C-alpha cells in the first residue's frame, strides 16, 4: 500500500491514467472509499491488541531495476515511456513510501520485495518463521495480482491465511470478485470487513 501503486496522483495510478484516461477510476474509488479506510481501522486494531504488523513494500534499490525479473522490468519501463512517469518502482523516490494513513512505526517489520508475489522475491518466509507466525491476515492491492499470488504461495508453504475483502481492491469489480472466489476454500478464509476480522480475533483470544 505504497503511493507508487495505491494512489491516483503518483506511480502506476498516474501513469495508467495518462495512458488510458478513466481506466483507473474504479480502482481509485474502491481504494480510497474501502481499502484505505479498512486497512487504517485494521492497523489501529492490531496496534491496540499488540499484534505484529508486517509491511511488504515493492521496489528496487537500483534505478535501473536490475534485481527485478526481466519481464517485470520491461513492462514497467514500457509504462514509464508511454506515460512519462519515471522511476515508478525505484525505492529512492517519494512515491515508494507507505500511505500516510498507516505508515510503519518503530517495532513494525518491513520486508522488501521485487516481484508480484511477496514470498518469491523477498525474505518474507524466513522473517515470518523467525517471528513464530503461522497465520496471516492479508490485505492490499491488487486482489488478482499481488494479494492472490502471495496468499497462494503462503498457503502452499503451510501458512493459514485470511483475506479481509473490504481491504483489497482491483481494477474492476468483476476481476476483484473472481480473485476473491479463487482464493476461497483452497487457499484462504475470506472475511468481509475489518470489524468482522477484529471480532474474530477477540473471540479467539478469549477462548
N, C-alpha and C. Protein backbone atom coordinates (compact mmCIF):
# COMPACT_ATOMS: atom_id res chain seq x y z
N UNK A 1 0.84 -1.19 0.00
CA UNK A 1 0.00 0.00 0.00
C UNK A 1 0.88 1.24 0.00
N UNK A 2 1.71 1.35 -1.04
CA UNK A 2 2.59 2.49 -1.20
C UNK A 2 1.97 3.48 -2.20
N UNK A 3 2.47 4.69 -2.20
CA UNK A 3 1.95 5.66 -3.15
C UNK A 3 2.24 5.27 -4.59
N UNK A 4 3.28 4.47 -4.82
CA UNK A 4 3.59 4.08 -6.19
C UNK A 4 2.57 3.13 -6.79
N UNK A 5 1.74 2.48 -5.96
CA UNK A 5 0.72 1.61 -6.53
C UNK A 5 -0.66 1.78 -5.87
N UNK A 6 -0.78 2.68 -4.91
CA UNK A 6 -2.05 2.85 -4.21
C UNK A 6 -2.46 4.32 -4.14
N UNK A 7 -2.18 5.06 -5.20
CA UNK A 7 -2.52 6.48 -5.24
C UNK A 7 -2.85 6.88 -6.67
N UNK A 8 -3.85 7.73 -6.81
CA UNK A 8 -4.22 8.21 -8.14
C UNK A 8 -3.24 9.25 -8.66
N UNK A 9 -2.48 9.87 -7.76
CA UNK A 9 -1.65 11.01 -8.14
C UNK A 9 -0.18 10.66 -8.37
N UNK A 10 0.21 9.41 -8.10
CA UNK A 10 1.62 9.03 -8.21
C UNK A 10 1.75 7.63 -8.82
N UNK A 11 2.94 7.31 -9.27
CA UNK A 11 3.28 5.96 -9.69
C UNK A 11 2.37 5.36 -10.74
N UNK A 12 1.98 4.10 -10.54
CA UNK A 12 1.16 3.38 -11.51
C UNK A 12 -0.17 4.09 -11.75
N UNK A 13 -0.78 4.58 -10.67
CA UNK A 13 -2.08 5.23 -10.83
C UNK A 13 -2.02 6.40 -11.79
N UNK A 14 -1.03 7.24 -11.63
CA UNK A 14 -0.86 8.38 -12.52
C UNK A 14 -0.50 7.92 -13.92
N UNK A 15 0.43 6.96 -14.03
CA UNK A 15 0.90 6.51 -15.34
C UNK A 15 -0.22 5.88 -16.16
N UNK A 16 -0.96 4.98 -15.58
CA UNK A 16 -2.01 4.29 -16.33
C UNK A 16 -3.15 5.23 -16.69
N UNK A 17 -3.42 6.22 -15.86
CA UNK A 17 -4.45 7.21 -16.19
C UNK A 17 -4.02 8.08 -17.36
N UNK A 18 -2.73 8.36 -17.46
CA UNK A 18 -2.24 9.14 -18.60
C UNK A 18 -2.32 8.34 -19.89
N UNK A 19 -2.01 7.04 -19.81
CA UNK A 19 -2.02 6.19 -21.00
C UNK A 19 -3.45 5.97 -21.48
N UNK A 20 -4.36 5.70 -20.54
CA UNK A 20 -5.76 5.46 -20.88
C UNK A 20 -6.65 6.19 -19.88
N UNK A 21 -6.99 7.43 -20.17
CA UNK A 21 -7.80 8.22 -19.23
C UNK A 21 -9.08 7.50 -18.82
N UNK A 22 -9.33 7.49 -17.51
CA UNK A 22 -10.53 6.84 -16.98
C UNK A 22 -10.34 5.40 -16.60
N UNK A 23 -9.23 4.80 -17.03
CA UNK A 23 -9.04 3.37 -16.80
C UNK A 23 -8.85 3.02 -15.33
N UNK A 24 -8.45 4.00 -14.51
CA UNK A 24 -8.20 3.74 -13.10
C UNK A 24 -9.32 4.24 -12.19
N UNK A 25 -10.40 4.73 -12.76
CA UNK A 25 -11.45 5.33 -11.94
C UNK A 25 -12.04 4.36 -10.93
N UNK A 26 -12.38 3.17 -11.38
CA UNK A 26 -12.98 2.18 -10.48
C UNK A 26 -12.00 1.77 -9.39
N UNK A 27 -10.76 1.54 -9.78
CA UNK A 27 -9.72 1.17 -8.82
C UNK A 27 -9.54 2.25 -7.77
N UNK A 28 -9.41 3.49 -8.23
CA UNK A 28 -9.17 4.60 -7.31
C UNK A 28 -10.33 4.80 -6.35
N UNK A 29 -11.54 4.66 -6.84
CA UNK A 29 -12.71 4.84 -5.98
C UNK A 29 -12.75 3.78 -4.88
N UNK A 30 -12.54 2.53 -5.25
CA UNK A 30 -12.55 1.47 -4.23
C UNK A 30 -11.38 1.64 -3.27
N UNK A 31 -10.23 2.00 -3.81
CA UNK A 31 -9.05 2.16 -2.96
C UNK A 31 -9.28 3.22 -1.89
N UNK A 32 -9.82 4.36 -2.29
CA UNK A 32 -10.00 5.46 -1.35
C UNK A 32 -11.21 5.28 -0.45
N UNK A 33 -12.26 4.65 -0.95
CA UNK A 33 -13.50 4.54 -0.19
C UNK A 33 -13.59 3.29 0.67
N UNK A 34 -12.86 2.23 0.29
CA UNK A 34 -12.97 0.96 1.02
C UNK A 34 -11.62 0.48 1.55
N UNK A 35 -10.65 0.34 0.65
CA UNK A 35 -9.38 -0.30 1.03
C UNK A 35 -8.61 0.52 2.06
N UNK A 36 -8.37 1.79 1.76
CA UNK A 36 -7.60 2.63 2.68
C UNK A 36 -8.29 2.76 4.05
N UNK A 37 -9.58 3.11 4.10
CA UNK A 37 -10.23 3.19 5.42
C UNK A 37 -10.23 1.85 6.17
N UNK A 38 -10.46 0.76 5.43
CA UNK A 38 -10.49 -0.55 6.07
C UNK A 38 -9.15 -0.95 6.66
N UNK A 39 -8.08 -0.73 5.90
CA UNK A 39 -6.75 -1.07 6.40
C UNK A 39 -6.37 -0.16 7.57
N UNK A 40 -6.77 1.11 7.49
CA UNK A 40 -6.49 2.03 8.59
C UNK A 40 -7.10 1.52 9.89
N UNK A 41 -8.34 1.10 9.85
CA UNK A 41 -9.01 0.58 11.05
C UNK A 41 -8.37 -0.73 11.50
N UNK A 42 -7.96 -1.56 10.53
CA UNK A 42 -7.34 -2.84 10.88
C UNK A 42 -5.99 -2.63 11.56
N UNK A 43 -5.18 -1.74 11.01
CA UNK A 43 -3.88 -1.44 11.61
C UNK A 43 -4.07 -0.88 13.02
N UNK A 44 -5.01 0.04 13.17
CA UNK A 44 -5.28 0.58 14.50
C UNK A 44 -5.72 -0.51 15.47
N UNK A 45 -6.54 -1.44 14.97
CA UNK A 45 -6.98 -2.55 15.80
C UNK A 45 -5.85 -3.48 16.19
N UNK A 46 -4.95 -3.73 15.26
CA UNK A 46 -3.78 -4.56 15.56
C UNK A 46 -2.88 -3.89 16.58
N UNK A 47 -2.68 -2.59 16.43
CA UNK A 47 -1.83 -1.88 17.38
C UNK A 47 -2.46 -1.91 18.78
N UNK A 48 -3.76 -1.73 18.85
CA UNK A 48 -4.44 -1.74 20.15
C UNK A 48 -4.35 -3.10 20.82
N UNK A 49 -4.20 -4.15 20.02
CA UNK A 49 -4.14 -5.51 20.55
C UNK A 49 -2.71 -6.03 20.63
N UNK A 50 -1.75 -5.18 20.33
CA UNK A 50 -0.32 -5.56 20.38
C UNK A 50 -0.02 -6.75 19.47
N UNK A 51 -0.61 -6.76 18.29
CA UNK A 51 -0.37 -7.81 17.32
C UNK A 51 0.68 -7.36 16.30
N UNK A 52 1.51 -8.27 15.82
CA UNK A 52 2.58 -7.89 14.87
C UNK A 52 2.03 -7.46 13.53
N UNK A 53 2.65 -6.45 12.96
CA UNK A 53 2.28 -5.94 11.63
C UNK A 53 3.51 -6.03 10.74
N UNK A 54 3.35 -6.66 9.59
CA UNK A 54 4.44 -6.82 8.64
C UNK A 54 4.06 -6.09 7.35
N UNK A 55 4.86 -5.12 6.97
CA UNK A 55 4.67 -4.40 5.71
C UNK A 55 5.55 -5.05 4.64
N UNK A 56 4.95 -5.32 3.48
CA UNK A 56 5.73 -5.82 2.34
C UNK A 56 5.72 -4.72 1.28
N UNK A 57 6.88 -4.13 1.03
CA UNK A 57 7.00 -2.98 0.13
C UNK A 57 7.72 -3.38 -1.15
N UNK A 58 7.13 -2.99 -2.28
CA UNK A 58 7.73 -3.33 -3.57
C UNK A 58 8.65 -2.21 -4.03
N UNK A 59 9.75 -2.59 -4.65
CA UNK A 59 10.66 -1.59 -5.20
C UNK A 59 12.08 -2.10 -5.31
N UNK A 60 12.84 -1.43 -6.12
CA UNK A 60 14.25 -1.77 -6.31
C UNK A 60 15.13 -0.65 -5.78
N UNK A 61 16.22 -1.02 -5.12
CA UNK A 61 17.19 -0.03 -4.66
C UNK A 61 18.05 0.49 -5.81
N UNK A 62 17.91 -0.12 -6.98
CA UNK A 62 18.69 0.26 -8.15
C UNK A 62 17.80 0.99 -9.14
N UNK A 63 18.21 2.15 -9.60
CA UNK A 63 17.38 2.94 -10.50
C UNK A 63 17.11 2.20 -11.80
N UNK A 64 18.05 1.36 -12.23
CA UNK A 64 17.85 0.60 -13.47
C UNK A 64 17.05 -0.68 -13.22
N UNK A 65 16.64 -0.92 -11.97
CA UNK A 65 15.78 -2.06 -11.60
C UNK A 65 16.43 -3.40 -11.93
N UNK A 66 17.72 -3.49 -11.71
CA UNK A 66 18.44 -4.69 -12.13
C UNK A 66 18.02 -5.96 -11.41
N UNK A 67 17.42 -5.82 -10.21
CA UNK A 67 17.05 -7.01 -9.44
C UNK A 67 15.60 -7.42 -9.65
N UNK A 68 14.89 -6.76 -10.56
CA UNK A 68 13.54 -7.20 -10.91
C UNK A 68 13.59 -8.25 -12.01
N UNK A 69 12.62 -9.16 -12.06
CA UNK A 69 12.56 -10.09 -13.19
C UNK A 69 12.52 -9.32 -14.50
N UNK A 70 13.20 -9.84 -15.51
CA UNK A 70 13.33 -9.11 -16.77
C UNK A 70 11.97 -8.75 -17.37
N UNK A 71 11.03 -9.67 -17.34
CA UNK A 71 9.70 -9.40 -17.89
C UNK A 71 9.02 -8.26 -17.15
N UNK A 72 9.13 -8.28 -15.83
CA UNK A 72 8.54 -7.25 -14.99
C UNK A 72 9.21 -5.89 -15.25
N UNK A 73 10.53 -5.91 -15.36
CA UNK A 73 11.28 -4.68 -15.60
C UNK A 73 10.89 -4.04 -16.94
N UNK A 74 10.81 -4.84 -17.98
CA UNK A 74 10.47 -4.30 -19.29
C UNK A 74 9.04 -3.79 -19.32
N UNK A 75 8.14 -4.44 -18.61
CA UNK A 75 6.75 -3.99 -18.53
C UNK A 75 6.67 -2.61 -17.88
N UNK A 76 7.41 -2.44 -16.79
CA UNK A 76 7.42 -1.16 -16.09
C UNK A 76 8.04 -0.08 -16.97
N UNK A 77 9.14 -0.39 -17.64
CA UNK A 77 9.79 0.59 -18.50
C UNK A 77 8.87 1.03 -19.63
N UNK A 78 8.09 0.11 -20.18
CA UNK A 78 7.15 0.47 -21.24
C UNK A 78 6.10 1.45 -20.73
N UNK A 79 5.58 1.17 -19.53
CA UNK A 79 4.59 2.08 -18.93
C UNK A 79 5.21 3.45 -18.69
N UNK A 80 6.45 3.46 -18.22
CA UNK A 80 7.13 4.74 -17.98
C UNK A 80 7.30 5.52 -19.28
N UNK A 81 7.70 4.84 -20.34
CA UNK A 81 7.91 5.51 -21.63
C UNK A 81 6.59 6.09 -22.16
N UNK A 82 5.54 5.30 -22.10
CA UNK A 82 4.26 5.72 -22.67
C UNK A 82 3.59 6.81 -21.86
N UNK A 83 3.84 6.85 -20.56
CA UNK A 83 3.15 7.80 -19.69
C UNK A 83 3.98 9.04 -19.35
N UNK A 84 5.30 8.90 -19.42
CA UNK A 84 6.17 9.99 -18.99
C UNK A 84 6.40 10.03 -17.50
N UNK A 85 5.86 9.06 -16.77
CA UNK A 85 6.08 8.95 -15.33
C UNK A 85 7.33 8.11 -15.11
N UNK A 86 8.34 8.65 -14.45
CA UNK A 86 9.62 7.98 -14.32
C UNK A 86 9.81 7.31 -12.97
N UNK A 87 10.66 6.29 -12.96
CA UNK A 87 11.13 5.65 -11.72
C UNK A 87 9.98 5.16 -10.83
N UNK A 88 9.02 4.49 -11.43
CA UNK A 88 7.83 4.05 -10.70
C UNK A 88 8.19 3.11 -9.56
N UNK A 89 9.15 2.23 -9.78
CA UNK A 89 9.49 1.25 -8.75
C UNK A 89 10.89 1.42 -8.17
N UNK A 90 11.45 2.58 -8.32
CA UNK A 90 12.74 2.86 -7.68
C UNK A 90 12.47 3.26 -6.23
N UNK A 91 13.09 2.58 -5.30
CA UNK A 91 12.78 2.77 -3.88
C UNK A 91 13.21 4.12 -3.33
N UNK A 92 14.02 4.86 -4.08
CA UNK A 92 14.50 6.15 -3.59
C UNK A 92 13.58 7.32 -3.94
N UNK A 93 12.47 7.04 -4.62
CA UNK A 93 11.54 8.11 -4.96
C UNK A 93 10.52 8.29 -3.83
N UNK A 94 9.97 9.49 -3.68
CA UNK A 94 8.96 9.72 -2.63
C UNK A 94 7.75 8.82 -2.75
N UNK A 95 7.42 8.38 -3.96
CA UNK A 95 6.22 7.56 -4.15
C UNK A 95 6.37 6.14 -3.59
N UNK A 96 7.56 5.77 -3.15
CA UNK A 96 7.76 4.44 -2.59
C UNK A 96 7.29 4.35 -1.13
N UNK A 97 6.95 5.49 -0.54
CA UNK A 97 6.55 5.48 0.87
C UNK A 97 5.16 4.85 1.04
N UNK A 98 4.94 4.29 2.21
CA UNK A 98 3.64 3.70 2.55
C UNK A 98 2.63 4.82 2.76
N UNK A 99 1.37 4.55 2.45
CA UNK A 99 0.32 5.54 2.62
C UNK A 99 0.36 6.15 4.02
N UNK A 100 0.15 7.46 4.08
CA UNK A 100 0.30 8.19 5.34
C UNK A 100 -0.75 7.81 6.38
N UNK A 101 -1.83 7.14 5.95
CA UNK A 101 -2.87 6.75 6.90
C UNK A 101 -2.41 5.66 7.86
N UNK A 102 -1.42 4.85 7.45
CA UNK A 102 -0.96 3.75 8.31
C UNK A 102 0.52 3.44 8.05
N UNK A 103 1.41 4.40 8.22
CA UNK A 103 2.83 4.16 7.97
C UNK A 103 3.44 3.23 9.00
N UNK A 104 4.52 2.56 8.65
CA UNK A 104 5.22 1.72 9.64
C UNK A 104 5.70 2.55 10.82
N UNK A 105 5.67 1.94 11.98
CA UNK A 105 6.18 2.57 13.19
C UNK A 105 7.34 1.73 13.74
N UNK A 106 8.05 2.31 14.68
CA UNK A 106 9.11 1.57 15.34
C UNK A 106 8.54 0.29 15.94
N UNK A 107 9.19 -0.81 15.66
CA UNK A 107 8.71 -2.09 16.14
C UNK A 107 7.98 -2.90 15.09
N UNK A 108 7.49 -2.24 14.02
CA UNK A 108 6.89 -2.97 12.92
C UNK A 108 7.98 -3.62 12.07
N UNK A 109 7.60 -4.60 11.28
CA UNK A 109 8.53 -5.29 10.40
C UNK A 109 8.28 -4.86 8.96
N UNK A 110 9.34 -4.48 8.25
CA UNK A 110 9.23 -4.08 6.85
C UNK A 110 10.09 -5.01 6.00
N UNK A 111 9.47 -5.63 5.02
CA UNK A 111 10.16 -6.56 4.12
C UNK A 111 10.08 -6.00 2.71
N UNK A 112 11.18 -6.01 1.98
CA UNK A 112 11.20 -5.53 0.60
C UNK A 112 11.01 -6.69 -0.36
N UNK A 113 10.23 -6.45 -1.42
CA UNK A 113 10.06 -7.44 -2.48
C UNK A 113 10.31 -6.78 -3.83
N UNK A 114 10.56 -7.61 -4.84
CA UNK A 114 10.86 -7.08 -6.17
C UNK A 114 10.01 -7.73 -7.25
N UNK A 115 8.94 -8.41 -6.86
CA UNK A 115 8.04 -9.03 -7.82
C UNK A 115 6.63 -9.00 -7.25
N UNK A 116 5.67 -9.54 -7.98
CA UNK A 116 4.28 -9.51 -7.52
C UNK A 116 4.10 -10.32 -6.24
N UNK A 117 4.59 -11.54 -6.24
CA UNK A 117 4.45 -12.39 -5.06
C UNK A 117 5.45 -12.00 -3.98
N UNK A 118 4.97 -11.89 -2.74
CA UNK A 118 5.87 -11.49 -1.66
C UNK A 118 6.87 -12.57 -1.28
N UNK A 119 6.49 -13.83 -1.44
CA UNK A 119 7.36 -14.90 -0.98
C UNK A 119 8.48 -15.23 -1.95
N UNK A 120 8.24 -15.04 -3.24
CA UNK A 120 9.24 -15.46 -4.23
C UNK A 120 10.35 -14.44 -4.43
N UNK A 121 10.19 -13.24 -3.90
CA UNK A 121 11.19 -12.20 -4.18
C UNK A 121 11.61 -11.45 -2.93
N UNK A 122 11.53 -12.11 -1.77
CA UNK A 122 11.90 -11.42 -0.54
C UNK A 122 12.30 -12.44 0.53
N UNK A 123 12.59 -11.93 1.71
CA UNK A 123 12.91 -12.78 2.85
C UNK A 123 11.69 -13.00 3.74
N UNK A 124 10.50 -12.83 3.18
CA UNK A 124 9.28 -12.88 3.99
C UNK A 124 9.11 -14.20 4.72
N UNK A 125 9.33 -15.31 4.05
CA UNK A 125 9.14 -16.61 4.69
C UNK A 125 10.07 -16.77 5.89
N UNK A 126 11.35 -16.47 5.69
CA UNK A 126 12.31 -16.58 6.79
C UNK A 126 11.96 -15.63 7.93
N UNK A 127 11.51 -14.43 7.57
CA UNK A 127 11.15 -13.44 8.59
C UNK A 127 9.97 -13.90 9.43
N UNK A 128 8.93 -14.37 8.76
CA UNK A 128 7.74 -14.83 9.49
C UNK A 128 8.05 -16.02 10.38
N UNK A 129 8.84 -16.96 9.87
CA UNK A 129 9.17 -18.14 10.67
C UNK A 129 10.03 -17.76 11.88
N UNK A 130 10.91 -16.79 11.70
CA UNK A 130 11.73 -16.35 12.84
C UNK A 130 10.89 -15.65 13.90
N UNK A 131 9.75 -15.09 13.48
CA UNK A 131 8.84 -14.42 14.40
C UNK A 131 7.83 -15.39 15.01
N UNK A 132 7.84 -16.64 14.54
CA UNK A 132 6.90 -17.63 15.05
C UNK A 132 5.48 -17.44 14.55
N UNK A 133 5.32 -16.78 13.42
CA UNK A 133 4.00 -16.51 12.87
C UNK A 133 3.56 -17.64 11.96
N UNK A 134 2.36 -18.16 12.21
CA UNK A 134 1.82 -19.26 11.41
C UNK A 134 0.54 -18.88 10.67
N UNK A 135 -0.14 -17.83 11.13
CA UNK A 135 -1.37 -17.38 10.48
C UNK A 135 -1.21 -15.96 9.99
N UNK A 136 -1.64 -15.72 8.75
CA UNK A 136 -1.51 -14.40 8.13
C UNK A 136 -2.88 -13.82 7.83
N UNK A 137 -3.05 -12.56 8.14
CA UNK A 137 -4.22 -11.80 7.72
C UNK A 137 -3.72 -10.84 6.65
N UNK A 138 -4.17 -11.05 5.42
CA UNK A 138 -3.59 -10.39 4.26
C UNK A 138 -4.53 -9.32 3.73
N UNK A 139 -3.98 -8.14 3.47
CA UNK A 139 -4.72 -7.04 2.86
C UNK A 139 -3.82 -6.37 1.84
N UNK A 140 -4.41 -5.58 0.94
CA UNK A 140 -3.61 -4.85 -0.03
C UNK A 140 -4.20 -4.89 -1.42
N UNK A 141 -3.40 -4.51 -2.39
CA UNK A 141 -3.84 -4.46 -3.77
C UNK A 141 -2.72 -4.98 -4.68
N UNK A 142 -3.03 -5.41 -5.86
CA UNK A 142 -4.37 -5.66 -6.40
C UNK A 142 -4.77 -7.09 -6.07
N UNK A 143 -6.07 -7.31 -5.92
CA UNK A 143 -6.57 -8.59 -5.45
C UNK A 143 -6.11 -9.76 -6.31
N UNK A 144 -6.20 -9.60 -7.63
CA UNK A 144 -5.87 -10.71 -8.53
C UNK A 144 -4.38 -10.88 -8.75
N UNK A 145 -3.60 -9.91 -8.30
CA UNK A 145 -2.16 -9.91 -8.60
C UNK A 145 -1.33 -10.18 -7.34
N UNK A 146 -0.90 -9.14 -6.66
CA UNK A 146 -0.02 -9.31 -5.50
C UNK A 146 -0.70 -10.05 -4.36
N UNK A 147 -1.97 -9.73 -4.09
CA UNK A 147 -2.67 -10.40 -2.99
C UNK A 147 -2.83 -11.88 -3.28
N UNK A 148 -3.37 -12.20 -4.45
CA UNK A 148 -3.63 -13.60 -4.79
C UNK A 148 -2.34 -14.41 -4.86
N UNK A 149 -1.32 -13.87 -5.50
CA UNK A 149 -0.05 -14.59 -5.63
C UNK A 149 0.56 -14.86 -4.26
N UNK A 150 0.53 -13.86 -3.40
CA UNK A 150 1.11 -14.01 -2.06
C UNK A 150 0.34 -15.02 -1.23
N UNK A 151 -0.98 -14.95 -1.27
CA UNK A 151 -1.80 -15.87 -0.47
C UNK A 151 -1.63 -17.31 -0.96
N UNK A 152 -1.63 -17.52 -2.25
CA UNK A 152 -1.46 -18.88 -2.78
C UNK A 152 -0.10 -19.46 -2.38
N UNK A 153 0.93 -18.65 -2.50
CA UNK A 153 2.25 -19.12 -2.10
C UNK A 153 2.30 -19.39 -0.60
N UNK A 154 1.69 -18.52 0.19
CA UNK A 154 1.68 -18.71 1.64
C UNK A 154 0.98 -20.00 2.02
N UNK A 155 -0.16 -20.27 1.39
CA UNK A 155 -0.89 -21.50 1.69
C UNK A 155 -0.06 -22.73 1.33
N UNK A 156 0.62 -22.69 0.19
CA UNK A 156 1.46 -23.82 -0.20
C UNK A 156 2.64 -24.02 0.75
N UNK A 157 3.07 -22.95 1.40
CA UNK A 157 4.17 -23.03 2.36
C UNK A 157 3.70 -23.43 3.76
N UNK A 158 2.38 -23.59 3.92
CA UNK A 158 1.86 -24.08 5.18
C UNK A 158 1.25 -23.04 6.10
N UNK A 159 1.17 -21.79 5.66
CA UNK A 159 0.56 -20.76 6.48
C UNK A 159 -0.96 -20.84 6.39
N UNK A 160 -1.61 -20.49 7.47
CA UNK A 160 -3.06 -20.34 7.49
C UNK A 160 -3.36 -18.89 7.13
N UNK A 161 -4.19 -18.68 6.11
CA UNK A 161 -4.39 -17.33 5.58
C UNK A 161 -5.84 -16.87 5.70
N UNK A 162 -5.99 -15.60 6.00
CA UNK A 162 -7.29 -14.93 6.00
C UNK A 162 -7.15 -13.67 5.14
N UNK A 163 -8.11 -13.44 4.26
CA UNK A 163 -8.13 -12.23 3.44
C UNK A 163 -9.33 -11.40 3.86
N UNK A 164 -9.10 -10.12 4.16
CA UNK A 164 -10.18 -9.20 4.51
C UNK A 164 -10.66 -8.53 3.22
N UNK A 165 -11.85 -8.89 2.78
CA UNK A 165 -12.32 -8.49 1.45
C UNK A 165 -12.39 -6.99 1.26
N UNK A 166 -12.89 -6.25 2.23
CA UNK A 166 -13.01 -4.80 2.04
C UNK A 166 -11.66 -4.10 2.02
N UNK A 167 -10.63 -4.80 2.45
CA UNK A 167 -9.28 -4.23 2.48
C UNK A 167 -8.45 -4.65 1.28
N UNK A 168 -9.11 -5.10 0.23
CA UNK A 168 -8.44 -5.44 -1.03
C UNK A 168 -9.21 -4.80 -2.18
N UNK A 169 -8.54 -4.57 -3.29
CA UNK A 169 -9.20 -3.95 -4.43
C UNK A 169 -8.51 -4.27 -5.72
N UNK A 170 -9.25 -4.11 -6.82
CA UNK A 170 -8.70 -4.42 -8.14
C UNK A 170 -9.14 -3.38 -9.15
N UNK A 171 -8.80 -3.60 -10.41
CA UNK A 171 -9.05 -2.60 -11.43
C UNK A 171 -10.50 -2.54 -11.87
N UNK A 172 -11.27 -3.57 -11.59
CA UNK A 172 -12.71 -3.52 -11.77
C UNK A 172 -13.34 -4.54 -10.83
N UNK A 173 -14.63 -4.40 -10.57
CA UNK A 173 -15.29 -5.22 -9.57
C UNK A 173 -15.33 -6.69 -9.95
N UNK A 174 -15.53 -6.97 -11.25
CA UNK A 174 -15.60 -8.36 -11.69
C UNK A 174 -14.29 -9.09 -11.45
N UNK A 175 -13.18 -8.44 -11.73
CA UNK A 175 -11.88 -9.06 -11.51
C UNK A 175 -11.63 -9.28 -10.03
N UNK A 176 -11.99 -8.30 -9.23
CA UNK A 176 -11.86 -8.44 -7.77
C UNK A 176 -12.68 -9.62 -7.27
N UNK A 177 -13.94 -9.69 -7.67
CA UNK A 177 -14.82 -10.76 -7.20
C UNK A 177 -14.29 -12.13 -7.62
N UNK A 178 -13.81 -12.24 -8.83
CA UNK A 178 -13.27 -13.51 -9.31
C UNK A 178 -12.03 -13.92 -8.52
N UNK A 179 -11.18 -12.95 -8.21
CA UNK A 179 -9.96 -13.24 -7.44
C UNK A 179 -10.31 -13.73 -6.04
N UNK A 180 -11.30 -13.08 -5.41
CA UNK A 180 -11.72 -13.50 -4.07
C UNK A 180 -12.30 -14.91 -4.12
N UNK A 181 -13.13 -15.18 -5.10
CA UNK A 181 -13.71 -16.53 -5.22
C UNK A 181 -12.62 -17.56 -5.46
N UNK A 182 -11.57 -17.18 -6.20
CA UNK A 182 -10.50 -18.11 -6.48
C UNK A 182 -9.67 -18.46 -5.25
N UNK A 183 -9.64 -17.58 -4.27
CA UNK A 183 -8.87 -17.83 -3.04
C UNK A 183 -9.67 -18.62 -2.01
N UNK A 184 -10.99 -18.45 -2.06
CA UNK A 184 -11.85 -19.08 -1.06
C UNK A 184 -11.73 -20.60 -1.10
N UNK A 185 -11.72 -21.21 0.05
CA UNK A 185 -11.72 -22.65 0.28
C UNK A 185 -10.33 -23.27 0.13
N UNK A 186 -9.72 -23.17 -1.03
CA UNK A 186 -8.43 -23.84 -1.23
C UNK A 186 -7.26 -23.10 -0.60
N UNK A 187 -7.33 -21.78 -0.51
CA UNK A 187 -6.16 -21.02 -0.09
C UNK A 187 -6.37 -20.15 1.14
N UNK A 188 -7.59 -19.66 1.36
CA UNK A 188 -7.78 -18.70 2.45
C UNK A 188 -9.23 -18.67 2.92
N UNK A 189 -9.39 -18.26 4.16
CA UNK A 189 -10.70 -17.89 4.65
C UNK A 189 -10.94 -16.45 4.24
N UNK A 190 -12.15 -16.13 3.81
CA UNK A 190 -12.49 -14.76 3.42
C UNK A 190 -13.36 -14.14 4.50
N UNK A 191 -12.91 -13.01 5.03
CA UNK A 191 -13.67 -12.23 6.00
C UNK A 191 -14.05 -10.93 5.30
N UNK A 192 -15.30 -10.52 5.42
CA UNK A 192 -15.78 -9.40 4.62
C UNK A 192 -15.30 -8.04 5.10
N UNK A 193 -15.27 -7.82 6.41
CA UNK A 193 -14.98 -6.47 6.91
C UNK A 193 -13.90 -6.50 7.99
N UNK A 194 -13.32 -5.33 8.21
CA UNK A 194 -12.34 -5.18 9.29
C UNK A 194 -12.95 -5.50 10.64
N UNK A 195 -14.16 -5.03 10.87
CA UNK A 195 -14.80 -5.26 12.16
C UNK A 195 -15.04 -6.74 12.40
N UNK A 196 -15.44 -7.46 11.36
CA UNK A 196 -15.61 -8.91 11.49
C UNK A 196 -14.28 -9.58 11.82
N UNK A 197 -13.21 -9.09 11.22
CA UNK A 197 -11.89 -9.66 11.47
C UNK A 197 -11.46 -9.42 12.92
N UNK A 198 -11.62 -8.21 13.39
CA UNK A 198 -11.21 -7.88 14.76
C UNK A 198 -12.07 -8.63 15.78
N UNK A 199 -13.37 -8.78 15.50
CA UNK A 199 -14.24 -9.54 16.39
C UNK A 199 -13.79 -11.00 16.47
N UNK A 200 -13.39 -11.56 15.32
CA UNK A 200 -12.93 -12.95 15.30
C UNK A 200 -11.64 -13.12 16.10
N UNK A 201 -10.76 -12.13 16.01
CA UNK A 201 -9.52 -12.17 16.79
C UNK A 201 -9.84 -12.13 18.28
N UNK A 202 -10.73 -11.23 18.67
CA UNK A 202 -11.09 -11.09 20.07
C UNK A 202 -11.74 -12.37 20.61
N UNK A 203 -12.60 -12.97 19.79
CA UNK A 203 -13.26 -14.21 20.19
C UNK A 203 -12.25 -15.33 20.38
N UNK A 204 -11.30 -15.41 19.46
CA UNK A 204 -10.29 -16.46 19.57
C UNK A 204 -9.40 -16.25 20.79
N UNK A 205 -9.03 -15.00 21.04
CA UNK A 205 -8.15 -14.71 22.16
C UNK A 205 -8.85 -14.94 23.52
N UNK A 206 -10.18 -14.87 23.50
CA UNK A 206 -10.94 -15.03 24.73
C UNK A 206 -11.09 -16.49 25.13
N UNK A 207 -10.84 -17.40 24.18
CA UNK A 207 -11.02 -18.84 24.45
C UNK A 207 -9.90 -19.34 25.35
